[in-house]
Structure formats: structure tokens, C-alpha cells
Amino acid sequence: MIGWIVLGVVVLALLGLVAIYNRLVRLRALVREGFSGITVQLRRRADLIPNLVEAVKGYAAHEKQVFEDVTRARAATANAGSVEATAQSRP
């Protein structure tokens, strides 16, 4: 009778160990999957940086042209001698 109880306790202990092991393996897989997802997102972000740089360059070129046009118009207005010349110097 005691042999059956000991055997039952041993079997339950083994089942518990198997369950704990399976849980640890599953959690390890989830951690690896999480880090993999982070790596993918960081690569996507790094791949978008050249596009962002090109967009900023294009906007900077546009802004430079607008600044030059405004400076030119302002200088023409400042150098105009009369009201009529000032009116004609404005775009």
C-alpha cells in the first residue's frame, strides 16, 4: 500500500517537472519571438532613414529657393525710389 502512495507521489512529481519544463520552453520561445519582432521593427526604421533624408533635402532646396525669392523681392522694394517703382517691384 505504501509502495503505491510513493509511486503516485513520484509520478505526480515527474508530471509536475514535465509541466514546468514545458512552460519554461514555451516562455523562452515567446521571449525569442519578442526580440525577433523588435529586430524587425528596428530594421524597418533604419530602412526608412534614407527616404527621410531625401525628403528633408527636397524641402531644404524648396525653402532655399523661397528664401532667395523673398530676399530678392525685399531688396527690390527697398531700392525702389518711388511709390510706382515699389508697386512694380512686388511680385
N, C-alpha and C. Protein backbone atom coordinates (compact mmCIF):
# COMPACT_ATOMS: atom_id res chain seq x y z
N MET A 1 0.81 -1.18 0.00
CA MET A 1 0.00 0.00 0.00
C MET A 1 0.86 1.27 0.00
N ILE A 2 1.86 1.34 0.84
CA ILE A 2 2.74 2.50 0.90
C ILE A 2 3.52 2.61 -0.40
N GLY A 3 3.82 1.49 -1.03
CA GLY A 3 4.53 1.49 -2.31
C GLY A 3 3.72 2.22 -3.37
N TRP A 4 2.39 2.01 -3.37
CA TRP A 4 1.53 2.68 -4.34
C TRP A 4 1.48 4.19 -4.08
N ILE A 5 1.48 4.58 -2.85
CA ILE A 5 1.45 6.00 -2.50
C ILE A 5 2.76 6.67 -2.93
N VAL A 6 3.88 6.01 -2.65
CA VAL A 6 5.18 6.54 -3.06
C VAL A 6 5.25 6.63 -4.57
N LEU A 7 4.78 5.59 -5.25
CA LEU A 7 4.77 5.59 -6.72
C LEU A 7 3.89 6.73 -7.24
N GLY A 8 2.74 6.96 -6.63
CA GLY A 8 1.85 8.05 -7.03
C GLY A 8 2.50 9.41 -6.84
N VAL A 9 3.18 9.59 -5.71
CA VAL A 9 3.86 10.85 -5.44
C VAL A 9 4.98 11.07 -6.44
N VAL A 10 5.73 10.02 -6.77
CA VAL A 10 6.82 10.13 -7.75
C VAL A 10 6.25 10.48 -9.12
N VAL A 11 5.16 9.83 -9.51
CA VAL A 11 4.54 10.11 -10.82
C VAL A 11 4.04 11.55 -10.86
N LEU A 12 3.39 12.00 -9.79
CA LEU A 12 2.93 13.39 -9.74
C LEU A 12 4.10 14.37 -9.80
N ALA A 13 5.18 14.06 -9.12
CA ALA A 13 6.36 14.92 -9.15
C ALA A 13 6.95 14.98 -10.56
N LEU A 14 7.01 13.82 -11.22
CA LEU A 14 7.52 13.81 -12.60
C LEU A 14 6.61 14.59 -13.54
N LEU A 15 5.30 14.44 -13.38
CA LEU A 15 4.37 15.21 -14.21
C LEU A 15 4.52 16.71 -13.95
N GLY A 16 4.73 17.07 -12.70
CA GLY A 16 4.95 18.48 -12.37
C GLY A 16 6.22 19.01 -13.01
N LEU A 17 7.28 18.23 -12.95
CA LEU A 17 8.54 18.64 -13.58
C LEU A 17 8.40 18.79 -15.09
N VAL A 18 7.67 17.86 -15.71
CA VAL A 18 7.45 17.95 -17.16
C VAL A 18 6.64 19.20 -17.48
N ALA A 19 5.63 19.50 -16.68
CA ALA A 19 4.82 20.69 -16.92
C ALA A 19 5.65 21.96 -16.76
N ILE A 20 6.49 22.01 -15.74
CA ILE A 20 7.36 23.18 -15.52
C ILE A 20 8.33 23.33 -16.68
N TYR A 21 8.92 22.22 -17.13
CA TYR A 21 9.86 22.27 -18.25
C TYR A 21 9.17 22.78 -19.51
N ASN A 22 7.98 22.26 -19.80
CA ASN A 22 7.24 22.70 -20.99
C ASN A 22 6.91 24.19 -20.91
N ARG A 23 6.54 24.65 -19.74
CA ARG A 23 6.23 26.08 -19.56
C ARG A 23 7.48 26.92 -19.80
N LEU A 24 8.61 26.50 -19.28
CA LEU A 24 9.85 27.25 -19.49
C LEU A 24 10.25 27.29 -20.96
N VAL A 25 10.07 26.18 -21.66
CA VAL A 25 10.39 26.14 -23.09
C VAL A 25 9.47 27.09 -23.85
N ARG A 26 8.18 27.10 -23.49
CA ARG A 26 7.22 27.97 -24.16
C ARG A 26 7.57 29.44 -23.90
N LEU A 27 7.91 29.77 -22.67
CA LEU A 27 8.27 31.15 -22.33
C LEU A 27 9.55 31.58 -23.05
N ARG A 28 10.51 30.68 -23.17
CA ARG A 28 11.74 31.00 -23.89
C ARG A 28 11.43 31.30 -25.36
N ALA A 29 10.53 30.52 -25.95
CA ALA A 29 10.14 30.75 -27.34
C ALA A 29 9.44 32.11 -27.48
N LEU A 30 8.62 32.48 -26.51
CA LEU A 30 7.94 33.79 -26.55
C LEU A 30 8.94 34.93 -26.44
N VAL A 31 9.96 34.77 -25.61
CA VAL A 31 10.99 35.81 -25.46
C VAL A 31 11.75 35.96 -26.77
N ARG A 32 12.12 34.85 -27.38
CA ARG A 32 12.85 34.92 -28.66
C ARG A 32 11.98 35.57 -29.74
N GLU A 33 10.71 35.24 -29.75
CA GLU A 33 9.80 35.84 -30.73
C GLU A 33 9.68 37.35 -30.49
N GLY A 34 9.63 37.75 -29.24
CA GLY A 34 9.56 39.18 -28.92
C GLY A 34 10.79 39.93 -29.39
N PHE A 35 11.97 39.39 -29.12
CA PHE A 35 13.20 40.04 -29.57
C PHE A 35 13.28 40.06 -31.09
N SER A 36 12.79 39.02 -31.73
CA SER A 36 12.78 38.99 -33.19
C SER A 36 11.90 40.11 -33.74
N GLY A 37 10.75 40.32 -33.11
CA GLY A 37 9.87 41.40 -33.54
C GLY A 37 10.52 42.76 -33.38
N ILE A 38 11.24 42.95 -32.29
CA ILE A 38 11.94 44.22 -32.07
C ILE A 38 12.99 44.42 -33.15
N THR A 39 13.73 43.38 -33.47
CA THR A 39 14.76 43.47 -34.50
C THR A 39 14.15 43.85 -35.85
N VAL A 40 13.01 43.25 -36.18
CA VAL A 40 12.35 43.56 -37.45
C VAL A 40 11.93 45.03 -37.49
N GLN A 41 11.36 45.53 -36.40
CA GLN A 41 10.93 46.93 -36.37
C GLN A 41 12.12 47.88 -36.47
N LEU A 42 13.23 47.56 -35.83
CA LEU A 42 14.41 48.41 -35.92
C LEU A 42 14.98 48.42 -37.33
N ARG A 43 14.96 47.28 -38.00
CA ARG A 43 15.43 47.23 -39.39
C ARG A 43 14.53 48.06 -40.30
N ARG A 44 13.21 47.96 -40.10
CA ARG A 44 12.28 48.77 -40.91
C ARG A 44 12.55 50.25 -40.70
N ARG A 45 12.75 50.64 -39.46
CA ARG A 45 13.02 52.04 -39.16
C ARG A 45 14.32 52.49 -39.82
N ALA A 46 15.34 51.66 -39.76
CA ALA A 46 16.63 52.00 -40.37
C ALA A 46 16.49 52.10 -41.89
N ASP A 47 15.63 51.27 -42.48
CA ASP A 47 15.43 51.32 -43.93
C ASP A 47 14.70 52.60 -44.36
N LEU A 48 13.95 53.21 -43.47
CA LEU A 48 13.21 54.42 -43.81
C LEU A 48 14.06 55.69 -43.69
N ILE A 49 15.21 55.61 -43.05
CA ILE A 49 16.04 56.81 -42.85
C ILE A 49 16.47 57.44 -44.18
N PRO A 50 16.93 56.67 -45.18
CA PRO A 50 17.30 57.33 -46.46
C PRO A 50 16.13 58.08 -47.09
N ASN A 51 14.92 57.55 -46.99
CA ASN A 51 13.75 58.25 -47.54
C ASN A 51 13.53 59.57 -46.82
N LEU A 52 13.68 59.55 -45.51
CA LEU A 52 13.51 60.77 -44.72
C LEU A 52 14.57 61.81 -45.09
N VAL A 53 15.79 61.36 -45.27
CA VAL A 53 16.88 62.28 -45.64
C VAL A 53 16.59 62.92 -46.99
N GLU A 54 16.11 62.14 -47.95
CA GLU A 54 15.79 62.69 -49.27
C GLU A 54 14.64 63.70 -49.19
N ALA A 55 13.65 63.40 -48.38
CA ALA A 55 12.52 64.33 -48.22
C ALA A 55 13.00 65.65 -47.61
N VAL A 56 13.87 65.57 -46.63
CA VAL A 56 14.40 66.79 -45.99
C VAL A 56 15.24 67.57 -46.98
N LYS A 57 16.04 66.89 -47.79
CA LYS A 57 16.85 67.58 -48.80
C LYS A 57 15.96 68.32 -49.79
N GLY A 58 14.90 67.65 -50.24
CA GLY A 58 13.98 68.29 -51.19
C GLY A 58 13.31 69.50 -50.57
N TYR A 59 12.88 69.39 -49.34
CA TYR A 59 12.24 70.51 -48.67
C TYR A 59 13.23 71.64 -48.45
N ALA A 60 14.48 71.30 -48.11
CA ALA A 60 15.50 72.33 -47.89
C ALA A 60 15.78 73.09 -49.18
N ALA A 61 15.81 72.39 -50.30
CA ALA A 61 16.03 73.06 -51.59
C ALA A 61 14.88 74.01 -51.89
N HIS A 62 13.66 73.56 -51.63
CA HIS A 62 12.49 74.41 -51.86
C HIS A 62 12.55 75.64 -50.94
N GLU A 63 12.87 75.43 -49.70
CA GLU A 63 12.94 76.52 -48.74
C GLU A 63 14.03 77.52 -49.13
N LYS A 64 15.15 77.03 -49.62
CA LYS A 64 16.24 77.91 -50.05
C LYS A 64 15.77 78.79 -51.20
N GLN A 65 15.06 78.22 -52.15
CA GLN A 65 14.55 78.97 -53.29
C GLN A 65 13.55 80.04 -52.84
N VAL A 66 12.66 79.68 -51.93
CA VAL A 66 11.68 80.64 -51.42
C VAL A 66 12.39 81.78 -50.68
N PHE A 67 13.37 81.44 -49.87
CA PHE A 67 14.12 82.47 -49.13
C PHE A 67 14.83 83.42 -50.09
N GLU A 68 15.44 82.88 -51.14
CA GLU A 68 16.12 83.73 -52.12
C GLU A 68 15.13 84.64 -52.83
N ASP A 69 13.96 84.11 -53.20
CA ASP A 69 12.94 84.93 -53.87
C ASP A 69 12.44 86.05 -52.97
N VAL A 70 12.21 85.74 -51.71
CA VAL A 70 11.74 86.76 -50.76
C VAL A 70 12.82 87.82 -50.55
N THR A 71 14.07 87.39 -50.43
CA THR A 71 15.16 88.35 -50.24
C THR A 71 15.30 89.26 -51.45
N ARG A 72 15.19 88.67 -52.64
CA ARG A 72 15.29 89.46 -53.87
C ARG A 72 14.15 90.47 -53.95
N ALA A 73 12.93 90.05 -53.65
CA ALA A 73 11.77 90.95 -53.71
C ALA A 73 11.90 92.06 -52.65
N ARG A 74 12.39 91.70 -51.50
CA ARG A 74 12.56 92.68 -50.43
C ARG A 74 13.61 93.73 -50.81
N ALA A 75 14.69 93.27 -51.40
CA ALA A 75 15.74 94.20 -51.84
C ALA A 75 15.22 95.11 -52.93
N ALA A 76 14.43 94.57 -53.86
CA ALA A 76 13.89 95.40 -54.93
C ALA A 76 12.93 96.44 -54.37
N THR A 77 12.15 96.07 -53.38
CA THR A 77 11.22 97.01 -52.77
C THR A 77 11.99 98.09 -52.00
N ALA A 78 13.04 97.70 -51.32
CA ALA A 78 13.81 98.67 -50.54
C ALA A 78 14.56 99.64 -51.45
N ASN A 79 14.98 99.17 -52.61
CA ASN A 79 15.74 100.01 -53.53
C ASN A 79 14.85 100.84 -54.45
N ALA A 80 13.56 100.62 -54.41
CA ALA A 80 12.66 101.38 -55.28
C ALA A 80 12.61 102.82 -54.78
N GLY A 81 12.66 103.75 -55.73
CA GLY A 81 12.72 105.15 -55.33
C GLY A 81 11.36 105.79 -55.16
N SER A 82 10.35 105.28 -55.83
CA SER A 82 9.04 105.92 -55.77
C SER A 82 7.97 104.90 -55.45
N VAL A 83 6.77 105.40 -55.23
CA VAL A 83 5.64 104.52 -54.92
C VAL A 83 5.35 103.62 -56.11
N GLU A 84 5.43 104.18 -57.32
CA GLU A 84 5.16 103.38 -58.52
C GLU A 84 6.21 102.27 -58.69
N ALA A 85 7.46 102.59 -58.42
CA ALA A 85 8.52 101.60 -58.53
C ALA A 85 8.36 100.52 -57.46
N THR A 86 7.90 100.91 -56.29
CA THR A 86 7.66 99.93 -55.21
C THR A 86 6.54 99.01 -55.61
N ALA A 87 5.47 99.54 -56.18
CA ALA A 87 4.34 98.72 -56.60
C ALA A 87 4.75 97.75 -57.71
N GLN A 88 5.61 98.18 -58.61
CA GLN A 88 6.03 97.30 -59.69
C GLN A 88 7.05 96.25 -59.24
N SER A 89 7.78 96.52 -58.19
CA SER A 89 8.80 95.58 -57.72
C SER A 89 8.21 94.41 -57.00
N ARG A 90 6.99 94.51 -56.55
CA ARG A 90 6.35 93.39 -55.83
C ARG A 90 5.84 92.36 -56.84
N PRO A 91 5.98 91.09 -56.49
CA PRO A 91 5.55 90.02 -57.41
C PRO A 91 4.03 89.92 -57.51
